[in-house]
PDB file of N, CA and C in Angstrom:
ATOM      1  N   MET A   1      -7.829  -1.150  16.587  1.00  0.00           N
ATOM      2  CA  MET A   1      -7.995  -2.023  15.448  1.00  0.00           C
ATOM      3  C   MET A   1      -6.815  -2.982  15.378  1.00  0.00           C
ATOM      4  N   ARG A   2      -7.085  -4.219  15.059  1.00  0.00           N
ATOM      5  CA  ARG A   2      -6.026  -5.215  14.965  1.00  0.00           C
ATOM      6  C   ARG A   2      -5.108  -4.917  13.790  1.00  0.00           C
ATOM      7  N   GLN A   3      -3.821  -5.118  14.017  1.00  0.00           N
ATOM      8  CA  GLN A   3      -2.819  -5.013  12.962  1.00  0.00           C
ATOM      9  C   GLN A   3      -2.006  -6.281  12.984  1.00  0.00           C
ATOM     10  N   ILE A   4      -1.819  -6.881  11.812  1.00  0.00           N
ATOM     11  CA  ILE A   4      -1.076  -8.123  11.706  1.00  0.00           C
ATOM     12  C   ILE A   4       0.201  -7.844  10.919  1.00  0.00           C
ATOM     13  N   PRO A   5       1.384  -7.988  11.537  1.00  0.00           N
ATOM     14  CA  PRO A   5       2.628  -7.752  10.808  1.00  0.00           C
ATOM     15  C   PRO A   5       2.784  -8.759   9.660  1.00  0.00           C
ATOM     16  N   VAL A   6       3.276  -8.283   8.522  1.00  0.00           N
ATOM     17  CA  VAL A   6       3.484  -9.141   7.355  1.00  0.00           C
ATOM     18  C   VAL A   6       4.988  -9.293   7.132  1.00  0.00           C
ATOM     19  N   ASP A   7       5.456 -10.543   7.133  1.00  0.00           N
ATOM     20  CA  ASP A   7       6.870 -10.836   6.904  1.00  0.00           C
ATOM     21  C   ASP A   7       7.129 -10.841   5.400  1.00  0.00           C
ATOM     22  N   THR A   8       7.917  -9.893   4.923  1.00  0.00           N
ATOM     23  CA  THR A   8       8.215  -9.791   3.494  1.00  0.00           C
ATOM     24  C   THR A   8       9.606 -10.332   3.159  1.00  0.00           C
ATOM     25  N   SER A   9      10.310 -10.902   4.150  1.00  0.00           N
ATOM     26  CA  SER A   9      11.701 -11.295   3.944  1.00  0.00           C
ATOM     27  C   SER A   9      11.886 -12.350   2.857  1.00  0.00           C
ATOM     28  N   GLY A  10      10.925 -13.238   2.656  1.00  0.00           N
ATOM     29  CA  GLY A  10      11.056 -14.273   1.639  1.00  0.00           C
ATOM     30  C   GLY A  10      10.302 -13.964   0.368  1.00  0.00           C
ATOM     31  N   ALA A  11       9.820 -12.737   0.219  1.00  0.00           N
ATOM     32  CA  ALA A  11       8.987 -12.369  -0.923  1.00  0.00           C
ATOM     33  C   ALA A  11       9.750 -11.525  -1.936  1.00  0.00           C
ATOM     34  N   THR A  12       9.307 -11.614  -3.174  1.00  0.00           N
ATOM     35  CA  THR A  12       9.744 -10.693  -4.212  1.00  0.00           C
ATOM     36  C   THR A  12       8.604  -9.711  -4.394  1.00  0.00           C
ATOM     37  N   VAL A  13       8.904  -8.421  -4.293  1.00  0.00           N
ATOM     38  CA  VAL A  13       7.866  -7.396  -4.384  1.00  0.00           C
ATOM     39  C   VAL A  13       8.277  -6.384  -5.444  1.00  0.00           C
ATOM     40  N   MET A  14       7.351  -6.104  -6.378  1.00  0.00           N
ATOM     41  CA  MET A  14       7.637  -5.101  -7.403  1.00  0.00           C
ATOM     42  C   MET A  14       6.390  -4.281  -7.689  1.00  0.00           C
ATOM     43  N   VAL A  15       6.611  -3.092  -8.204  1.00  0.00           N
ATOM     44  CA  VAL A  15       5.515  -2.164  -8.477  1.00  0.00           C
ATOM     45  C   VAL A  15       4.655  -2.703  -9.620  1.00  0.00           C
ATOM     46  N   ALA A  16       3.340  -2.792  -9.383  1.00  0.00           N
ATOM     47  CA  ALA A  16       2.387  -3.155 -10.433  1.00  0.00           C
ATOM     48  C   ALA A  16       1.798  -1.885 -11.052  1.00  0.00           C
ATOM     49  N   LEU A  17       1.471  -0.909 -10.206  1.00  0.00           N
ATOM     50  CA  LEU A  17       0.992   0.408 -10.651  1.00  0.00           C
ATOM     51  C   LEU A  17       1.690   1.467  -9.812  1.00  0.00           C
ATOM     52  N   PRO A  18       2.197   2.525 -10.445  1.00  0.00           N
ATOM     53  CA  PRO A  18       2.908   3.580  -9.710  1.00  0.00           C
ATOM     54  C   PRO A  18       2.023   4.236  -8.644  1.00  0.00           C
ATOM     55  N   PRO A  19       2.642   4.926  -7.679  1.00  0.00           N
ATOM     56  CA  PRO A  19       1.894   5.571  -6.590  1.00  0.00           C
ATOM     57  C   PRO A  19       0.850   6.566  -7.110  1.00  0.00           C
ATOM     58  N   GLN A  20      -0.291   6.557  -6.423  1.00  0.00           N
ATOM     59  CA  GLN A  20      -1.370   7.496  -6.722  1.00  0.00           C
ATOM     60  C   GLN A  20      -1.895   8.049  -5.407  1.00  0.00           C
ATOM     61  N   LEU A  21      -2.403   9.265  -5.444  1.00  0.00           N
ATOM     62  CA  LEU A  21      -3.015   9.819  -4.240  1.00  0.00           C
ATOM     63  C   LEU A  21      -4.216   8.972  -3.844  1.00  0.00           C
ATOM     64  N   LYS A  22      -4.354   8.706  -2.549  1.00  0.00           N
ATOM     65  CA  LYS A  22      -5.505   7.964  -2.037  1.00  0.00           C
ATOM     66  C   LYS A  22      -6.624   8.965  -1.780  1.00  0.00           C
ATOM     67  N   MET A  23      -7.781   8.677  -2.321  1.00  0.00           N
ATOM     68  CA  MET A  23      -8.906   9.595  -2.180  1.00  0.00           C
ATOM     69  C   MET A  23      -9.768   9.201  -0.976  1.00  0.00           C
ATOM     70  N   ARG A  24     -10.102  10.202  -0.184  1.00  0.00           N
ATOM     71  CA  ARG A  24     -11.028   9.989   0.929  1.00  0.00           C
ATOM     72  C   ARG A  24     -12.454  10.032   0.398  1.00  0.00           C
ATOM     73  N   ASP A  25     -12.697  10.964  -0.540  1.00  0.00           N
ATOM     74  CA  ASP A  25     -14.012  11.119  -1.146  1.00  0.00           C
ATOM     75  C   ASP A  25     -13.814  11.437  -2.624  1.00  0.00           C
ATOM     76  N   LYS A  26     -14.095  10.477  -3.485  1.00  0.00           N
ATOM     77  CA  LYS A  26     -13.871  10.664  -4.922  1.00  0.00           C
ATOM     78  C   LYS A  26     -14.792  11.725  -5.515  1.00  0.00           C
ATOM     79  N   LYS A  27     -15.981  11.874  -4.961  1.00  0.00           N
ATOM     80  CA  LYS A  27     -16.927  12.868  -5.493  1.00  0.00           C
ATOM     81  C   LYS A  27     -16.423  14.292  -5.298  1.00  0.00           C
ATOM     82  N   THR A  28     -15.831  14.556  -4.131  1.00  0.00           N
ATOM     83  CA  THR A  28     -15.364  15.919  -3.841  1.00  0.00           C
ATOM     84  C   THR A  28     -13.894  16.118  -4.174  1.00  0.00           C
ATOM     85  N   GLY A  29     -13.190  15.007  -4.429  1.00  0.00           N
ATOM     86  CA  GLY A  29     -11.756  15.094  -4.706  1.00  0.00           C
ATOM     87  C   GLY A  29     -10.908  15.234  -3.452  1.00  0.00           C
ATOM     88  N   GLN A  30     -11.506  14.963  -2.286  1.00  0.00           N
ATOM     89  CA  GLN A  30     -10.774  15.082  -1.023  1.00  0.00           C
ATOM     90  C   GLN A  30      -9.750  13.959  -0.895  1.00  0.00           C
ATOM     91  N   VAL A  31      -8.492  14.344  -0.650  1.00  0.00           N
ATOM     92  CA  VAL A  31      -7.395  13.396  -0.520  1.00  0.00           C
ATOM     93  C   VAL A  31      -7.331  12.879   0.918  1.00  0.00           C
ATOM     94  N   ALA A  32      -7.097  11.578   1.081  1.00  0.00           N
ATOM     95  CA  ALA A  32      -6.948  10.984   2.415  1.00  0.00           C
ATOM     96  C   ALA A  32      -5.636  11.458   3.034  1.00  0.00           C
ATOM     97  N   GLN A  33      -5.666  11.690   4.352  1.00  0.00           N
ATOM     98  CA  GLN A  33      -4.477  12.156   5.052  1.00  0.00           C
ATOM     99  C   GLN A  33      -4.191  11.274   6.257  1.00  0.00           C
ATOM    100  N   ASP A  34      -2.897  11.174   6.594  1.00  0.00           N
ATOM    101  CA  ASP A  34      -2.464  10.419   7.760  1.00  0.00           C
ATOM    102  C   ASP A  34      -2.989  11.112   9.010  1.00  0.00           C
ATOM    103  N   ASN A  35      -3.599  10.345   9.911  1.00  0.00           N
ATOM    104  CA  ASN A  35      -4.178  10.920  11.128  1.00  0.00           C
ATOM    105  C   ASN A  35      -3.137  11.543  12.043  1.00  0.00           C
ATOM    106  N   GLU A  36      -1.923  10.995  12.056  1.00  0.00           N
ATOM    107  CA  GLU A  36      -0.900  11.490  12.977  1.00  0.00           C
ATOM    108  C   GLU A  36      -0.100  12.659  12.407  1.00  0.00           C
ATOM    109  N   THR A  37       0.275  12.576  11.126  1.00  0.00           N
ATOM    110  CA  THR A  37       1.173  13.592  10.558  1.00  0.00           C
ATOM    111  C   THR A  37       0.472  14.613   9.661  1.00  0.00           C
ATOM    112  N   GLY A  38      -0.724  14.270   9.181  1.00  0.00           N
ATOM    113  CA  GLY A  38      -1.414  15.166   8.262  1.00  0.00           C
ATOM    114  C   GLY A  38      -0.908  15.059   6.830  1.00  0.00           C
ATOM    115  N   SER A  39       0.072  14.190   6.577  1.00  0.00           N
ATOM    116  CA  SER A  39       0.608  13.997   5.228  1.00  0.00           C
ATOM    117  C   SER A  39      -0.440  13.338   4.334  1.00  0.00           C
ATOM    118  N   ASN A  40      -0.401  13.665   3.045  1.00  0.00           N
ATOM    119  CA  ASN A  40      -1.263  12.988   2.090  1.00  0.00           C
ATOM    120  C   ASN A  40      -0.900  11.506   2.052  1.00  0.00           C
ATOM    121  N   LEU A  41      -1.910  10.662   1.843  1.00  0.00           N
ATOM    122  CA  LEU A  41      -1.672   9.232   1.713  1.00  0.00           C
ATOM    123  C   LEU A  41      -1.636   8.840   0.245  1.00  0.00           C
ATOM    124  N   MET A  42      -0.791   7.873  -0.054  1.00  0.00           N
ATOM    125  CA  MET A  42      -0.652   7.351  -1.404  1.00  0.00           C
ATOM    126  C   MET A  42      -1.015   5.865  -1.380  1.00  0.00           C
ATOM    127  N   THR A  43      -1.420   5.338  -2.529  1.00  0.00           N
ATOM    128  CA  THR A  43      -1.553   3.896  -2.677  1.00  0.00           C
ATOM    129  C   THR A  43      -0.581   3.450  -3.759  1.00  0.00           C
ATOM    130  N   VAL A  44       0.078   2.339  -3.509  1.00  0.00           N
ATOM    131  CA  VAL A  44       0.993   1.729  -4.472  1.00  0.00           C
ATOM    132  C   VAL A  44       0.530   0.289  -4.647  1.00  0.00           C
ATOM    133  N   ASP A  45       0.157  -0.080  -5.861  1.00  0.00           N
ATOM    134  CA  ASP A  45      -0.200  -1.471  -6.131  1.00  0.00           C
ATOM    135  C   ASP A  45       1.088  -2.227  -6.414  1.00  0.00           C
ATOM    136  N   VAL A  46       1.308  -3.306  -5.658  1.00  0.00           N
ATOM    137  CA  VAL A  46       2.531  -4.095  -5.821  1.00  0.00           C
ATOM    138  C   VAL A  46       2.182  -5.550  -6.106  1.00  0.00           C
ATOM    139  N   LEU A  47       3.062  -6.192  -6.870  1.00  0.00           N
ATOM    140  CA  LEU A  47       2.973  -7.620  -7.104  1.00  0.00           C
ATOM    141  C   LEU A  47       3.791  -8.284  -6.000  1.00  0.00           C
ATOM    142  N   PHE A  48       3.145  -9.097  -5.197  1.00  0.00           N
ATOM    143  CA  PHE A  48       3.749  -9.755  -4.049  1.00  0.00           C
ATOM    144  C   PHE A  48       3.873 -11.239  -4.399  1.00  0.00           C
ATOM    145  N   VAL A  49       5.105 -11.720  -4.568  1.00  0.00           N
ATOM    146  CA  VAL A  49       5.349 -13.105  -4.979  1.00  0.00           C
ATOM    147  C   VAL A  49       6.068 -13.845  -3.856  1.00  0.00           C
ATOM    148  N   MET A  50       5.444 -14.958  -3.406  1.00  0.00           N
ATOM    149  CA  MET A  50       6.042 -15.745  -2.325  1.00  0.00           C
ATOM    150  C   MET A  50       5.589 -17.194  -2.460  1.00  0.00           C
ATOM    151  N   ASN A  51       6.521 -18.118  -2.327  1.00  0.00           N
ATOM    152  CA  ASN A  51       6.227 -19.554  -2.370  1.00  0.00           C
ATOM    153  C   ASN A  51       5.448 -19.958  -3.630  1.00  0.00           C
ATOM    154  N   GLY A  52       5.797 -19.372  -4.758  1.00  0.00           N
ATOM    155  CA  GLY A  52       5.151 -19.728  -6.020  1.00  0.00           C
ATOM    156  C   GLY A  52       3.790 -19.111  -6.233  1.00  0.00           C
ATOM    157  N   ASN A  53       3.334 -18.276  -5.308  1.00  0.00           N
ATOM    158  CA  ASN A  53       2.043 -17.594  -5.452  1.00  0.00           C
ATOM    159  C   ASN A  53       2.277 -16.110  -5.670  1.00  0.00           C
ATOM    160  N   ALA A  54       1.494 -15.528  -6.578  1.00  0.00           N
ATOM    161  CA  ALA A  54       1.608 -14.099  -6.857  1.00  0.00           C
ATOM    162  C   ALA A  54       0.252 -13.433  -6.677  1.00  0.00           C
ATOM    163  N   GLU A  55       0.275 -12.257  -6.071  1.00  0.00           N
ATOM    164  CA  GLU A  55      -0.958 -11.516  -5.838  1.00  0.00           C
ATOM    165  C   GLU A  55      -0.653 -10.028  -5.895  1.00  0.00           C
ATOM    166  N   VAL A  56      -1.562  -9.262  -6.491  1.00  0.00           N
ATOM    167  CA  VAL A  56      -1.420  -7.815  -6.479  1.00  0.00           C
ATOM    168  C   VAL A  56      -2.156  -7.288  -5.244  1.00  0.00           C
ATOM    169  N   ILE A  57      -1.427  -6.510  -4.429  1.00  0.00           N
ATOM    170  CA  ILE A  57      -2.051  -5.883  -3.263  1.00  0.00           C
ATOM    171  C   ILE A  57      -1.845  -4.378  -3.347  1.00  0.00           C
ATOM    172  N   SER A  58      -2.773  -3.652  -2.785  1.00  0.00           N
ATOM    173  CA  SER A  58      -2.690  -2.195  -2.750  1.00  0.00           C
ATOM    174  C   SER A  58      -2.205  -1.788  -1.363  1.00  0.00           C
ATOM    175  N   VAL A  59      -1.086  -1.074  -1.317  1.00  0.00           N
ATOM    176  CA  VAL A  59      -0.462  -0.691  -0.054  1.00  0.00           C
ATOM    177  C   VAL A  59      -0.599   0.819   0.135  1.00  0.00           C
ATOM    178  N   THR A  60      -1.064   1.227   1.299  1.00  0.00           N
ATOM    179  CA  THR A  60      -1.173   2.643   1.637  1.00  0.00           C
ATOM    180  C   THR A  60       0.084   3.067   2.380  1.00  0.00           C
ATOM    181  N   VAL A  61       0.587   4.246   2.028  1.00  0.00           N
ATOM    182  CA  VAL A  61       1.795   4.784   2.654  1.00  0.00           C
ATOM    183  C   VAL A  61       1.713   6.308   2.604  1.00  0.00           C
ATOM    184  N   ALA A  62       2.286   6.983   3.604  1.00  0.00           N
ATOM    185  CA  ALA A  62       2.314   8.445   3.595  1.00  0.00           C
ATOM    186  C   ALA A  62       3.214   8.930   2.465  1.00  0.00           C
ATOM    187  N   GLU A  63       2.816  10.011   1.809  1.00  0.00           N
ATOM    188  CA  GLU A  63       3.537  10.508   0.634  1.00  0.00           C
ATOM    189  C   GLU A  63       5.035  10.731   0.865  1.00  0.00           C
ATOM    190  N   PRO A  64       5.460  11.320   2.000  1.00  0.00           N
ATOM    191  CA  PRO A  64       6.901  11.533   2.196  1.00  0.00           C
ATOM    192  C   PRO A  64       7.704  10.226   2.318  1.00  0.00           C
ATOM    193  N   ASP A  65       7.022   9.107   2.553  1.00  0.00           N
ATOM    194  CA  ASP A  65       7.705   7.838   2.778  1.00  0.00           C
ATOM    195  C   ASP A  65       7.742   6.946   1.535  1.00  0.00           C
ATOM    196  N   VAL A  66       7.419   7.526   0.378  1.00  0.00           N
ATOM    197  CA  VAL A  66       7.563   6.848  -0.910  1.00  0.00           C
ATOM    198  C   VAL A  66       8.859   7.374  -1.502  1.00  0.00           C
ATOM    199  N   SER A  67       9.853   6.481  -1.725  1.00  0.00           N
ATOM    200  CA  SER A  67      11.150   6.984  -2.189  1.00  0.00           C
ATOM    201  C   SER A  67      11.654   6.216  -3.403  1.00  0.00           C
ATOM    202  N   GLY A  68      12.342   6.956  -4.248  1.00  0.00           N
ATOM    203  CA  GLY A  68      12.910   6.394  -5.461  1.00  0.00           C
ATOM    204  C   GLY A  68      11.914   6.427  -6.599  1.00  0.00           C
ATOM    205  N   GLU A  69      12.391   6.073  -7.782  1.00  0.00           N
ATOM    206  CA  GLU A  69      11.533   6.007  -8.963  1.00  0.00           C
ATOM    207  C   GLU A  69      10.724   4.714  -8.896  1.00  0.00           C
ATOM    208  N   LEU A  70       9.408   4.831  -8.808  1.00  0.00           N
ATOM    209  CA  LEU A  70       8.561   3.649  -8.646  1.00  0.00           C
ATOM    210  C   LEU A  70       7.728   3.399  -9.900  1.00  0.00           C
ATOM    211  N   ALA A  71       8.405   3.116 -11.003  1.00  0.00           N
ATOM    212  CA  ALA A  71       7.727   2.781 -12.248  1.00  0.00           C
ATOM    213  C   ALA A  71       7.310   1.308 -12.202  1.00  0.00           C
ATOM    214  N   MET A  72       6.394   0.916 -13.095  1.00  0.00           N
ATOM    215  CA  MET A  72       5.941  -0.459 -13.153  1.00  0.00           C
ATOM    216  C   MET A  72       7.131  -1.410 -13.311  1.00  0.00           C
ATOM    217  N   GLY A  73       7.163  -2.466 -12.491  1.00  0.00           N
ATOM    218  CA  GLY A  73       8.225  -3.461 -12.549  1.00  0.00           C
ATOM    219  C   GLY A  73       9.403  -3.198 -11.630  1.00  0.00           C
ATOM    220  N   THR A  74       9.442  -2.016 -11.000  1.00  0.00           N
ATOM    221  CA  THR A  74      10.546  -1.678 -10.098  1.00  0.00           C
ATOM    222  C   THR A  74      10.489  -2.544  -8.839  1.00  0.00           C
ATOM    223  N   PRO A  75      11.588  -3.223  -8.485  1.00  0.00           N
ATOM    224  CA  PRO A  75      11.596  -3.963  -7.222  1.00  0.00           C
ATOM    225  C   PRO A  75      11.575  -2.983  -6.053  1.00  0.00           C
ATOM    226  N   VAL A  76      10.814  -3.305  -5.012  1.00  0.00           N
ATOM    227  CA  VAL A  76      10.684  -2.404  -3.863  1.00  0.00           C
ATOM    228  C   VAL A  76      10.782  -3.171  -2.549  1.00  0.00           C
ATOM    229  N   ALA A  77      11.105  -2.427  -1.496  1.00  0.00           N
ATOM    230  CA  ALA A  77      11.051  -2.926  -0.123  1.00  0.00           C
ATOM    231  C   ALA A  77       9.847  -2.287   0.549  1.00  0.00           C
ATOM    232  N   LEU A  78       9.106  -3.086   1.296  1.00  0.00           N
ATOM    233  CA  LEU A  78       7.960  -2.591   2.059  1.00  0.00           C
ATOM    234  C   LEU A  78       8.339  -2.631   3.533  1.00  0.00           C
ATOM    235  N   THR A  79       8.662  -1.491   4.101  1.00  0.00           N
ATOM    236  CA  THR A  79       9.080  -1.408   5.495  1.00  0.00           C
ATOM    237  C   THR A  79       7.857  -1.337   6.391  1.00  0.00           C
ATOM    238  N   GLY A  80       7.842  -2.176   7.425  1.00  0.00           N
ATOM    239  CA  GLY A  80       6.768  -2.121   8.420  1.00  0.00           C
ATOM    240  C   GLY A  80       5.390  -2.440   7.872  1.00  0.00           C
ATOM    241  N   LEU A  81       5.301  -3.394   6.942  1.00  0.00           N
ATOM    242  CA  LEU A  81       4.011  -3.739   6.341  1.00  0.00           C
ATOM    243  C   LEU A  81       3.117  -4.448   7.353  1.00  0.00           C
ATOM    244  N   VAL A  82       1.873  -3.969   7.470  1.00  0.00           N
ATOM    245  CA  VAL A  82       0.875  -4.606   8.329  1.00  0.00           C
ATOM    246  C   VAL A  82      -0.414  -4.794   7.543  1.00  0.00           C
ATOM    247  N   ALA A  83      -1.145  -5.837   7.911  1.00  0.00           N
ATOM    248  CA  ALA A  83      -2.463  -6.108   7.342  1.00  0.00           C
ATOM    249  C   ALA A  83      -3.503  -5.751   8.396  1.00  0.00           C
ATOM    250  N   ARG A  84      -4.600  -5.135   7.942  1.00  0.00           N
ATOM    251  CA  ARG A  84      -5.674  -4.757   8.865  1.00  0.00           C
ATOM    252  C   ARG A  84      -6.999  -5.265   8.307  1.00  0.00           C
ATOM    253  N   PRO A  85      -7.664  -6.177   9.025  1.00  0.00           N
ATOM    254  CA  PRO A  85      -8.992  -6.593   8.572  1.00  0.00           C
ATOM    255  C   PRO A  85      -9.982  -5.440   8.754  1.00  0.00           C
ATOM    256  N   TRP A  86     -10.939  -5.318   7.822  1.00  0.00           N
ATOM    257  CA  TRP A  86     -11.945  -4.267   7.935  1.00  0.00           C
ATOM    258  C   TRP A  86     -13.309  -4.826   7.545  1.00  0.00           C
ATOM    259  N   GLU A  87     -14.337  -4.126   8.017  1.00  0.00           N
ATOM    260  CA  GLU A  87     -15.707  -4.498   7.681  1.00  0.00           C
ATOM    261  C   GLU A  87     -16.563  -3.243   7.762  1.00  0.00           C
ATOM    262  N   ASN A  88     -17.463  -3.096   6.809  1.00  0.00           N
ATOM    263  CA  ASN A  88     -18.410  -1.978   6.879  1.00  0.00           C
ATOM    264  C   ASN A  88     -19.715  -2.377   6.217  1.00  0.00           C
ATOM    265  N   GLU A  89     -20.698  -1.511   6.364  1.00  0.00           N
ATOM    266  CA  GLU A  89     -21.997  -1.744   5.753  1.00  0.00           C
ATOM    267  C   GLU A  89     -22.356  -0.513   4.953  1.00  0.00           C
ATOM    268  N   PHE A  90     -22.749  -0.719   3.699  1.00  0.00           N
ATOM    269  CA  PHE A  90     -23.100   0.385   2.810  1.00  0.00           C
ATOM    270  C   PHE A  90     -24.363  -0.005   2.061  1.00  0.00           C
ATOM    271  N   ASN A  91     -25.412   0.802   2.213  1.00  0.00           N
ATOM    272  CA  ASN A  91     -26.704   0.515   1.571  1.00  0.00           C
ATOM    273  C   ASN A  91     -27.213  -0.896   1.892  1.00  0.00           C
ATOM    274  N   GLY A  92     -27.044  -1.307   3.141  1.00  0.00           N
ATOM    275  CA  GLY A  92     -27.524  -2.608   3.575  1.00  0.00           C
ATOM    276  C   GLY A  92     -26.648  -3.783   3.172  1.00  0.00           C
ATOM    277  N   GLN A  93     -25.555  -3.513   2.478  1.00  0.00           N
ATOM    278  CA  GLN A  93     -24.652  -4.573   2.054  1.00  0.00           C
ATOM    279  C   GLN A  93     -23.425  -4.593   2.968  1.00  0.00           C
ATOM    280  N   LYS A  94     -23.157  -5.746   3.576  1.00  0.00           N
ATOM    281  CA  LYS A  94     -21.947  -5.873   4.394  1.00  0.00           C
ATOM    282  C   LYS A  94     -20.777  -6.205   3.495  1.00  0.00           C
ATOM    283  N   ARG A  95     -19.664  -5.508   3.740  1.00  0.00           N
ATOM    284  CA  ARG A  95     -18.435  -5.739   2.980  1.00  0.00           C
ATOM    285  C   ARG A  95     -17.302  -5.931   3.972  1.00  0.00           C
ATOM    286  N   HIS A  96     -16.303  -6.707   3.553  1.00  0.00           N
ATOM    287  CA  HIS A  96     -15.148  -6.918   4.417  1.00  0.00           C
ATOM    288  C   HIS A  96     -13.937  -7.215   3.550  1.00  0.00           C
ATOM    289  N   GLY A  97     -12.768  -7.061   4.148  1.00  0.00           N
ATOM    290  CA  GLY A  97     -11.544  -7.323   3.406  1.00  0.00           C
ATOM    291  C   GLY A  97     -10.335  -7.085   4.282  1.00  0.00           C
ATOM    292  N   ILE A  98      -9.196  -6.962   3.629  1.00  0.00           N
ATOM    293  CA  ILE A  98      -7.939  -6.706   4.319  1.00  0.00           C
ATOM    294  C   ILE A  98      -7.281  -5.516   3.638  1.00  0.00           C
ATOM    295  N   SER A  99      -6.876  -4.528   4.422  1.00  0.00           N
ATOM    296  CA  SER A  99      -6.125  -3.400   3.871  1.00  0.00           C
ATOM    297  C   SER A  99      -4.674  -3.544   4.326  1.00  0.00           C
ATOM    298  N   PHE A 100      -3.778  -2.978   3.531  1.00  0.00           N
ATOM    299  CA  PHE A 100      -2.344  -3.062   3.824  1.00  0.00           C
ATOM    300  C   PHE A 100      -1.781  -1.658   3.984  1.00  0.00           C
ATOM    301  N   ARG A 101      -0.944  -1.487   4.998  1.00  0.00           N
ATOM    302  CA  ARG A 101      -0.313  -0.195   5.271  1.00  0.00           C
ATOM    303  C   ARG A 101       1.171  -0.437   5.530  1.00  0.00           C
ATOM    304  N   ALA A 102       2.015   0.414   4.963  1.00  0.00           N
ATOM    305  CA  ALA A 102       3.458   0.305   5.180  1.00  0.00           C
ATOM    306  C   ALA A 102       3.990   1.617   5.739  1.00  0.00           C
ATOM    307  N   VAL A 103       5.065   1.517   6.509  1.00  0.00           N
ATOM    308  CA  VAL A 103       5.752   2.699   7.015  1.00  0.00           C
ATOM    309  C   VAL A 103       6.445   3.402   5.851  1.00  0.00           C
ATOM    310  N   ALA A 104       7.004   2.592   4.908  1.00  0.00           N
ATOM    311  CA  ALA A 104       7.698   3.163   3.744  1.00  0.00           C
ATOM    312  C   ALA A 104       7.703   2.163   2.596  1.00  0.00           C
ATOM    313  N   VAL A 105       7.709   2.716   1.379  1.00  0.00           N
ATOM    314  CA  VAL A 105       7.918   1.938   0.156  1.00  0.00           C
ATOM    315  C   VAL A 105       9.151   2.525  -0.516  1.00  0.00           C
ATOM    316  N   THR A 106      10.179   1.687  -0.675  1.00  0.00           N
ATOM    317  CA  THR A 106      11.481   2.164  -1.163  1.00  0.00           C
ATOM    318  C   THR A 106      11.917   1.369  -2.379  1.00  0.00           C
ATOM    319  N   SER A 107      12.325   2.094  -3.428  1.00  0.00           N
ATOM    320  CA  SER A 107      12.839   1.446  -4.641  1.00  0.00           C
ATOM    321  C   SER A 107      14.131   0.708  -4.341  1.00  0.00           C
ATOM    322  N   LEU A 108      14.264  -0.490  -4.899  1.00  0.00           N
ATOM    323  CA  LEU A 108      15.499  -1.265  -4.762  1.00  0.00           C
ATOM    324  C   LEU A 108      16.295  -1.247  -6.064  1.00  0.00           C
ATOM    325  N   ALA A 109      15.828  -0.463  -7.045  1.00  0.00           N
ATOM    326  CA  ALA A 109      16.521  -0.367  -8.327  1.00  0.00           C
ATOM    327  C   ALA A 109      17.853   0.348  -8.130  1.00  0.00           C
ATOM    328  N   LYS A 110      18.850  -0.123  -8.808  1.00  0.00           N
ATOM    329  CA  LYS A 110      20.179   0.506  -8.718  1.00  0.00           C
ATOM    330  C   LYS A 110      20.167   1.829  -9.481  1.00  0.00           C
ATOM    331  N   ALA A 111      20.660   2.868  -8.851  1.00  0.00           N
ATOM    332  CA  ALA A 111      20.759   4.165  -9.529  1.00  0.00           C
ATOM    333  C   ALA A 111      21.800   4.052 -10.631  1.00  0.00           C
ATOM    334  N   GLY A 112      21.458   4.537 -11.795  1.00  0.00           N
ATOM    335  CA  GLY A 112      22.414   4.358 -12.865  1.00  0.00           C
ATOM    336  C   GLY A 112      22.467   5.534 -13.697  1.00  0.00           C
TER     337      GLY A 112
END
């Protein structure tokens, strides 16, 4: 699958919604897991601001790689962020979009 590296060096990134477990199947409550490590996956919604444009994106990251207090408004670093185009068909409807995955999400808030 194609992965497109995302340059975050000129962006301001902050938590829009705190980390939540990513569900593989909401009906059964099955949590999504990383294929390589078996760790639970989390989603963190972040406000991504660059060149005067702001957008909320949902970033998937393995649970052990979420560090620091990630309350709403906390500035964060997104290490190894990549975008992955996806497409699927459900009940005859084609859907497509872009998913985001990071190696780590780290709080940039000063410990106080």
